[in-house]
Amino acid sequence: MKKILLATPTMHGKERQYIQEAFETNQVAPLGSNVDAFEDKVAAYVGASSAAALSSGTAALHLSVLLAGVKENDIVFVPSLTFAASVNPIRYEKAIPVLIDSERDTWNMDGAALKKAFEKYPHPKAVMAVHLYGTSAHMDEICAICKEHNVPLIEDAAESLGTTYKGKMTGTFGDYGIYSFNGNKIITTSGGGILVAKRDEDVEKARFLSRQARDPARHYQHSTIGYNYRMSNIVAGIGCGQMGYLKDHIEKKRKIYQIYKEAFSDIKEIEMNPLNKDGADNNWLSCMTISSDSNVTPAQVMDALEAENIETRPIWKPMHLQPVFEKYDFIQVEDGMSVSEDIFNRGLCLPSDIKNTKEDMERIIKIVRNQFRQQ
């Protein structure tokens, strides 16, 4: 049986032209024309004035945390329903994450829970919003809360390049925004990330820190701790080639979501992941939840697909349930099971590779539907 994967890189050939040029000019270090061009292409696409290309989205988040002035024992508000890479950079600086529950409308940070967190911890150093699975958080509310308390906002837009909220690109609302180009993202550089910021001087400082914080002296001089976080000119070439296909990738991701939504519309137990009504999603991954009163479980669906050589994934396990983060405070609006835990318990990610054929999609859908017929 043909193996169907969750989401894999889609190469087009144009990427090789940039890579070949890098080889021919011997620009294979973390500096070169591809890096410069990729930064310019991403900045222009999202509407930022500049961008710093880095080795990963996590590196970009770490530098954002540093730029926000986060230090040991500072408090940072961050969603619980996210990937660990959102929270890890907070702990790199020995700061304290306070984990915020999700809202059902978007699965992202709940504004009411964020307000509650400010009541308990009036002076956090920063807030980090995440746009989960390519769906925008309600940025008007989150930005207003941060502005009211004069707290910098970091946007983890790792999964949401190309997603808009009220016509504006995610990643550009906060003081700092980051994107990921890992192999499974909407476009890829194999591995890499980009940082954008409201102030160009912050982007320049990110570049400085990413180059081991080497001072502008003839000799090797360092006045602050730096990091080896710059993007390679080779992988930046992949990104330059991929940028020309970003619109096409998004259109295909959206089509996948709509195919699933229509295919399961008559099964009352299935609900697709919600989209922000005030935005346009990139639909990076199509996800579904199963009603709690159904006899079918997410594990049953995943097992059935796995048996047919089809890859799925659970929804991110909330950070407040993770052994490494469970000691940190978790803020939810109401007592009882949290929204993030409920989504985790009832959800799964469906295969969302844009190379899936019509036959692939029909095969996936048939297997899922069969689980509900067998009740």
Protein backbone atom coordinates (compact mmCIF):
# COMPACT_ATOMS: atom_id res chain seq x y z
CA MET A 1 0.00 0.00 0.00
CA LYS A 2 1.19 3.49 -0.81
CA LYS A 3 2.30 5.31 2.33
CA ILE A 4 0.52 8.61 2.95
CA LEU A 5 2.35 10.99 5.28
CA LEU A 6 1.02 13.83 7.39
CA ALA A 7 2.88 16.67 5.63
CA THR A 8 6.13 16.56 3.69
CA PRO A 9 8.25 19.06 1.75
CA THR A 10 7.10 19.85 -1.78
CA MET A 11 9.98 20.81 -4.06
CA HIS A 12 9.50 22.40 -7.47
CA GLY A 13 12.93 22.52 -9.09
CA LYS A 14 13.45 26.26 -8.90
CA GLU A 15 15.10 25.77 -5.52
CA ARG A 16 18.04 24.06 -7.24
CA GLN A 17 18.88 27.21 -9.20
CA TYR A 18 19.56 29.14 -5.99
CA ILE A 19 21.48 26.23 -4.46
CA GLN A 20 23.57 25.79 -7.61
CA GLU A 21 24.43 29.48 -7.63
CA ALA A 22 25.58 29.20 -4.01
CA PHE A 23 27.89 26.33 -4.96
CA GLU A 24 29.21 28.07 -8.03
CA THR A 25 30.03 31.24 -6.07
CA ASN A 26 31.22 29.25 -3.02
CA GLN A 27 28.64 30.97 -0.82
CA VAL A 28 28.00 27.96 1.39
CA ALA A 29 28.46 29.69 4.75
CA PRO A 30 25.72 31.31 6.87
CA LEU A 31 26.15 34.49 4.83
CA GLY A 32 25.47 35.18 1.19
CA SER A 33 23.10 36.46 -1.45
CA ASN A 34 20.49 33.76 -0.81
CA VAL A 35 20.21 34.72 2.86
CA ASP A 36 19.80 38.38 1.95
CA ALA A 37 17.25 37.59 -0.76
CA PHE A 38 15.25 35.25 1.44
CA GLU A 39 15.05 37.84 4.20
CA ASP A 40 13.85 40.42 1.68
CA LYS A 41 11.29 38.06 0.13
CA VAL A 42 9.73 37.08 3.46
CA ALA A 43 9.74 40.63 4.80
CA ALA A 44 8.04 41.92 1.65
CA TYR A 45 5.47 39.12 1.71
CA VAL A 46 4.37 39.66 5.32
CA GLY A 47 4.68 43.45 5.19
CA ALA A 48 7.66 43.84 7.53
CA SER A 49 10.45 46.30 6.82
CA SER A 50 13.19 43.75 7.55
CA ALA A 51 13.77 40.18 8.70
CA ALA A 52 16.55 38.02 10.14
CA ALA A 53 16.97 34.52 8.70
CA LEU A 54 17.92 32.03 11.41
CA SER A 55 18.68 28.37 11.89
CA SER A 56 15.20 27.47 13.21
CA GLY A 57 11.92 28.88 14.37
CA THR A 58 12.98 27.97 17.92
CA ALA A 59 16.12 30.08 17.53
CA ALA A 60 13.93 32.95 16.37
CA LEU A 61 11.70 32.53 19.42
CA HIS A 62 14.73 32.45 21.71
CA LEU A 63 16.06 35.69 20.25
CA SER A 64 12.57 37.23 20.55
CA VAL A 65 12.56 36.32 24.25
CA LEU A 66 15.98 37.97 24.63
CA LEU A 67 14.91 41.07 22.71
CA ALA A 68 11.87 41.38 24.98
CA GLY A 69 14.28 41.60 27.92
CA VAL A 70 13.23 38.34 29.56
CA LYS A 71 15.61 37.28 32.33
CA GLU A 72 15.79 34.73 35.14
CA ASN A 73 12.61 34.48 37.22
CA ASP A 74 10.65 36.79 34.90
CA ILE A 75 7.12 35.64 34.09
CA VAL A 76 6.02 35.04 30.49
CA PHE A 77 2.43 34.20 29.54
CA VAL A 78 2.21 31.50 26.84
CA PRO A 79 -0.57 29.19 25.60
CA SER A 80 -0.66 25.68 27.00
CA LEU A 81 -1.99 24.16 23.77
CA THR A 82 1.12 24.43 21.62
CA PHE A 83 4.34 22.63 20.72
CA ALA A 84 7.09 22.56 23.34
CA ALA A 85 9.27 24.84 21.17
CA SER A 86 7.05 27.77 22.19
CA VAL A 87 7.86 27.31 25.87
CA ASN A 88 11.43 25.98 25.79
CA PRO A 89 13.06 29.36 24.95
CA ILE A 90 11.44 30.87 28.05
CA ARG A 91 13.18 28.25 30.13
CA TYR A 92 16.48 28.75 28.26
CA GLU A 93 16.60 32.09 30.10
CA LYS A 94 15.41 30.49 33.36
CA ALA A 95 12.24 32.53 33.20
CA ILE A 96 8.88 31.23 34.43
CA PRO A 97 6.17 30.26 31.93
CA VAL A 98 2.59 30.79 33.05
CA LEU A 99 0.44 28.61 30.84
CA ILE A 100 -2.81 30.00 29.46
CA ASP A 101 -5.83 27.95 28.38
CA SER A 102 -7.37 28.03 24.91
CA GLU A 103 -10.66 29.33 23.59
CA ARG A 104 -12.87 27.00 21.57
CA ASP A 105 -13.37 29.54 18.75
CA THR A 106 -9.80 29.24 17.45
CA TRP A 107 -8.03 26.81 19.83
CA ASN A 108 -5.63 29.69 20.56
CA MET A 109 -4.94 31.74 23.70
CA ASP A 110 -8.18 32.64 25.50
CA GLY A 111 -8.39 36.41 26.05
CA ALA A 112 -10.48 35.93 29.19
CA ALA A 113 -7.86 33.58 30.63
CA LEU A 114 -5.13 36.06 29.67
CA LYS A 115 -6.94 38.82 31.58
CA LYS A 116 -7.24 36.48 34.55
CA ALA A 117 -3.49 35.80 34.36
CA PHE A 118 -2.78 39.54 34.54
CA GLU A 119 -4.95 39.76 37.66
CA LYS A 120 -2.84 37.08 39.33
CA TYR A 121 0.51 38.19 37.90
CA PRO A 122 0.26 41.94 37.18
CA HIS A 123 3.82 42.37 35.90
CA PRO A 124 4.81 39.69 33.38
CA LYS A 125 7.82 40.44 31.22
CA ALA A 126 6.17 39.34 27.97
CA VAL A 127 3.19 37.60 26.38
CA MET A 128 3.63 35.00 23.66
CA ALA A 129 0.69 34.30 21.35
CA VAL A 130 0.64 31.23 19.09
CA HIS A 131 -1.33 30.76 15.85
CA LEU A 132 -2.10 27.06 16.14
CA TYR A 133 -2.26 24.86 13.03
CA GLY A 134 -2.30 27.98 10.86
CA THR A 135 -5.35 29.61 12.49
CA SER A 136 -4.97 33.15 13.78
CA ALA A 137 -5.56 34.01 17.40
CA HIS A 138 -7.90 36.93 18.12
CA MET A 139 -5.15 39.51 17.83
CA ASP A 140 -7.29 42.61 18.47
CA GLU A 141 -8.09 41.39 21.97
CA ILE A 142 -4.61 40.09 22.76
CA CYS A 143 -2.89 43.25 21.45
CA ALA A 144 -5.27 45.46 23.44
CA ILE A 145 -4.56 43.56 26.65
CA CYS A 146 -0.80 43.79 26.11
CA LYS A 147 -1.05 47.50 25.30
CA GLU A 148 -3.14 48.15 28.41
CA HIS A 149 -0.44 46.57 30.57
CA ASN A 150 2.49 47.89 28.52
CA VAL A 151 3.87 44.38 28.00
CA PRO A 152 5.71 43.30 24.82
CA LEU A 153 4.01 40.73 22.61
CA ILE A 154 5.82 37.88 20.85
CA GLU A 155 3.97 36.09 18.04
CA ASP A 156 4.79 32.46 17.40
CA ALA A 157 3.60 32.26 13.80
CA ALA A 158 5.68 29.15 13.12
CA GLU A 159 2.67 27.37 11.63
CA SER A 160 0.84 30.33 10.12
CA LEU A 161 2.92 31.95 7.37
CA GLY A 162 0.37 33.39 4.94
CA THR A 163 -2.48 33.47 7.45
CA THR A 164 -4.15 36.85 7.86
CA TYR A 165 -6.25 38.40 10.60
CA LYS A 166 -8.45 41.27 9.42
CA GLY A 167 -6.27 41.59 6.35
CA LYS A 168 -2.94 41.72 8.19
CA MET A 169 -0.37 38.93 8.22
CA THR A 170 0.09 36.95 11.40
CA GLY A 171 3.52 37.52 12.89
CA THR A 172 3.32 41.28 12.33
CA PHE A 173 0.97 42.32 15.14
CA GLY A 174 3.41 41.86 17.99
CA ASP A 175 6.68 43.53 18.88
CA TYR A 176 8.37 40.37 17.57
CA GLY A 177 7.15 37.66 15.22
CA ILE A 178 8.66 34.40 14.05
CA TYR A 179 8.07 31.90 11.27
CA SER A 180 9.31 28.33 10.89
CA PHE A 181 10.52 26.63 7.70
CA ASN A 182 10.87 23.14 9.10
CA GLY A 183 10.34 20.30 6.64
CA ASN A 184 6.62 19.94 7.35
CA LYS A 185 5.68 23.63 7.23
CA ILE A 186 3.72 25.46 4.50
CA ILE A 187 7.05 26.11 2.74
CA THR A 188 10.42 24.80 3.86
CA THR A 189 14.11 25.52 3.89
CA SER A 190 14.74 22.01 5.25
CA GLY A 191 15.20 23.65 8.64
CA GLY A 192 15.15 27.33 9.46
CA GLY A 193 13.23 30.30 10.79
CA ILE A 194 12.81 34.02 10.42
CA LEU A 195 12.39 36.83 12.95
CA VAL A 196 10.58 40.07 12.17
CA ALA A 197 10.01 43.00 14.52
CA LYS A 198 8.29 46.34 14.70
CA ARG A 199 11.64 48.07 15.02
CA ASP A 200 14.42 47.51 12.48
CA GLU A 201 17.01 47.91 15.22
CA ASP A 202 15.62 44.79 16.92
CA VAL A 203 16.04 42.78 13.72
CA GLU A 204 19.61 44.05 13.43
CA LYS A 205 20.26 43.12 17.06
CA ALA A 206 18.88 39.64 16.36
CA ARG A 207 21.37 39.29 13.50
CA PHE A 208 24.16 40.46 15.80
CA LEU A 209 23.25 37.94 18.51
CA SER A 210 22.87 35.18 15.92
CA ARG A 211 26.48 35.70 14.79
CA GLN A 212 28.00 34.98 18.20
CA ALA A 213 27.59 38.66 19.16
CA ARG A 214 30.91 39.57 17.62
CA ASP A 215 31.69 43.24 18.15
CA PRO A 216 32.70 45.39 15.14
CA ALA A 217 36.43 45.16 15.89
CA ARG A 218 39.32 43.89 13.78
CA HIS A 219 40.07 41.24 16.36
CA TYR A 220 37.56 38.81 17.87
CA GLN A 221 35.84 40.78 20.60
CA HIS A 222 32.62 39.94 22.43
CA SER A 223 30.85 42.15 24.96
CA THR A 224 27.75 39.98 25.33
CA ILE A 225 26.75 36.33 24.99
CA GLY A 226 25.96 35.35 21.41
CA TYR A 227 24.58 32.36 19.55
CA ASN A 228 25.28 30.41 16.38
CA TYR A 229 21.80 30.94 14.97
CA ARG A 230 22.32 32.24 11.43
CA MET A 231 20.70 30.50 8.47
CA SER A 232 22.93 28.79 5.93
CA ASN A 233 23.11 30.32 2.46
CA ILE A 234 22.35 26.86 1.05
CA VAL A 235 19.06 26.35 2.88
CA ALA A 236 18.15 30.01 2.28
CA GLY A 237 18.36 29.15 -1.41
CA ILE A 238 15.68 26.51 -0.90
CA GLY A 239 13.55 29.16 0.77
CA CYS A 240 14.05 31.61 -2.10
CA GLY A 241 12.79 28.99 -4.52
CA GLN A 242 9.88 28.01 -2.28
CA MET A 243 8.58 31.55 -1.80
CA GLY A 244 7.35 31.67 -5.38
CA TYR A 245 5.02 28.74 -4.62
CA LEU A 246 3.69 29.84 -1.24
CA LYS A 247 0.37 31.05 -2.64
CA ASP A 248 -0.12 27.76 -4.46
CA HIS A 249 0.71 25.75 -1.32
CA ILE A 250 -1.83 27.72 0.70
CA GLU A 251 -4.55 27.23 -1.91
CA LYS A 252 -3.93 23.48 -1.90
CA LYS A 253 -3.96 23.32 1.91
CA ARG A 254 -7.27 25.16 1.95
CA LYS A 255 -8.70 22.73 -0.58
CA ILE A 256 -7.65 19.77 1.58
CA TYR A 257 -9.47 21.27 4.56
CA GLN A 258 -12.63 21.85 2.52
CA ILE A 259 -12.56 18.31 1.12
CA TYR A 260 -12.44 16.89 4.64
CA LYS A 261 -15.11 19.28 5.90
CA GLU A 262 -17.51 18.35 3.13
CA ALA A 263 -16.73 14.64 3.38
CA PHE A 264 -17.55 14.52 7.10
CA SER A 265 -20.40 17.04 7.13
CA ASP A 266 -23.02 14.32 7.62
CA ILE A 267 -21.26 12.72 10.59
CA LYS A 268 -22.49 14.63 13.63
CA GLU A 269 -19.68 13.34 15.86
CA ILE A 270 -16.95 14.95 13.71
CA GLU A 271 -16.04 18.61 13.83
CA MET A 272 -13.15 20.10 11.88
CA ASN A 273 -10.73 22.46 13.62
CA PRO A 274 -12.28 25.94 13.78
CA LEU A 275 -11.10 28.75 11.52
CA ASN A 276 -10.95 32.35 12.66
CA LYS A 277 -13.95 34.12 11.10
CA ASP A 278 -11.99 37.38 11.10
CA GLY A 279 -9.11 35.95 9.12
CA ALA A 280 -7.98 33.76 6.25
CA ASP A 281 -6.16 30.62 7.37
CA ASN A 282 -3.30 28.91 5.59
CA ASN A 283 -4.81 25.59 6.81
CA TRP A 284 -1.35 24.18 7.50
CA LEU A 285 -2.81 21.05 9.08
CA SER A 286 -6.40 19.86 8.88
CA CYS A 287 -7.55 18.53 12.24
CA MET A 288 -10.74 17.06 13.60
CA THR A 289 -12.34 16.46 16.95
CA ILE A 290 -14.77 13.69 17.86
CA SER A 291 -17.67 14.41 20.18
CA SER A 292 -17.24 13.07 23.70
CA ASP A 293 -20.45 10.99 23.48
CA SER A 294 -19.23 9.08 20.41
CA ASN A 295 -18.22 5.43 20.63
CA VAL A 296 -15.33 6.23 18.28
CA THR A 297 -12.11 7.57 19.75
CA PRO A 298 -9.25 9.48 18.12
CA ALA A 299 -6.96 6.55 18.88
CA GLN A 300 -9.32 4.22 17.01
CA VAL A 301 -9.27 6.46 13.94
CA MET A 302 -5.49 6.86 14.06
CA ASP A 303 -4.99 3.11 14.48
CA ALA A 304 -7.29 2.37 11.53
CA LEU A 305 -5.37 4.77 9.30
CA GLU A 306 -2.01 3.51 10.53
CA ALA A 307 -3.06 -0.04 9.68
CA GLU A 308 -3.48 1.17 6.08
CA ASN A 309 -0.05 2.87 6.03
CA ILE A 310 -1.45 6.37 6.58
CA GLU A 311 0.20 8.74 9.04
CA THR A 312 -1.73 10.88 11.51
CA ARG A 313 -0.78 12.75 14.68
CA PRO A 314 -2.50 13.56 17.95
CA ILE A 315 -3.28 17.18 18.74
CA TRP A 316 -0.44 18.84 20.67
CA LYS A 317 -0.46 17.62 24.26
CA PRO A 318 -0.98 20.75 26.41
CA MET A 319 2.11 22.02 28.16
CA HIS A 320 0.49 21.97 31.61
CA LEU A 321 0.17 18.19 31.21
CA GLN A 322 3.80 17.72 30.17
CA PRO A 323 6.16 16.32 32.83
CA VAL A 324 8.71 19.04 32.15
CA PHE A 325 6.22 21.91 32.56
CA GLU A 326 3.50 20.54 34.86
CA LYS A 327 4.89 22.40 37.89
CA TYR A 328 4.14 25.79 36.34
CA ASP A 329 0.90 27.65 36.89
CA PHE A 330 -1.95 27.10 34.47
CA ILE A 331 -4.72 29.68 34.05
CA GLN A 332 -8.18 28.71 32.84
CA VAL A 333 -11.46 30.59 33.01
CA GLU A 334 -13.64 27.89 34.53
CA ASP A 335 -12.94 24.98 36.83
CA GLY A 336 -13.04 21.41 35.56
CA MET A 337 -11.42 20.03 32.45
CA SER A 338 -9.66 22.76 30.53
CA VAL A 339 -10.48 23.58 26.92
CA SER A 340 -6.94 22.66 25.83
CA GLU A 341 -7.11 19.25 27.52
CA ASP A 342 -10.53 18.58 26.02
CA ILE A 343 -9.26 19.38 22.52
CA PHE A 344 -6.24 17.14 23.08
CA ASN A 345 -8.43 14.28 24.32
CA ARG A 346 -10.85 14.44 21.39
CA GLY A 347 -8.68 15.53 18.46
CA LEU A 348 -6.27 14.32 15.81
CA CYS A 349 -4.39 15.75 12.84
CA LEU A 350 -5.34 14.37 9.43
CA PRO A 351 -2.95 13.85 6.50
CA SER A 352 -2.49 17.29 4.94
CA ASP A 353 0.20 16.83 2.33
CA ILE A 354 -0.47 18.98 -0.74
CA LYS A 355 0.84 16.16 -2.96
CA ASN A 356 -2.05 13.90 -1.94
CA THR A 357 -3.99 12.80 -4.99
CA LYS A 358 -7.77 12.60 -5.31
CA GLU A 359 -7.42 8.85 -4.76
CA ASP A 360 -5.32 9.42 -1.63
CA MET A 361 -7.95 11.70 -0.14
CA GLU A 362 -10.76 9.29 -0.98
CA ARG A 363 -8.82 6.46 0.67
CA ILE A 364 -8.27 8.48 3.87
CA ILE A 365 -11.89 9.62 4.02
CA LYS A 366 -13.26 6.14 3.45
CA ILE A 367 -11.27 4.71 6.34
CA VAL A 368 -12.36 7.49 8.70
CA ARG A 369 -16.01 7.19 7.68
CA ASN A 370 -15.91 3.41 8.15
CA GLN A 371 -15.06 3.85 11.84
CA PHE A 372 -18.33 5.67 12.40
CA ARG A 373 -20.37 3.18 10.39
CA GLN A 374 -19.15 0.41 12.68
CA GLN A 375 -20.65 1.92 15.82
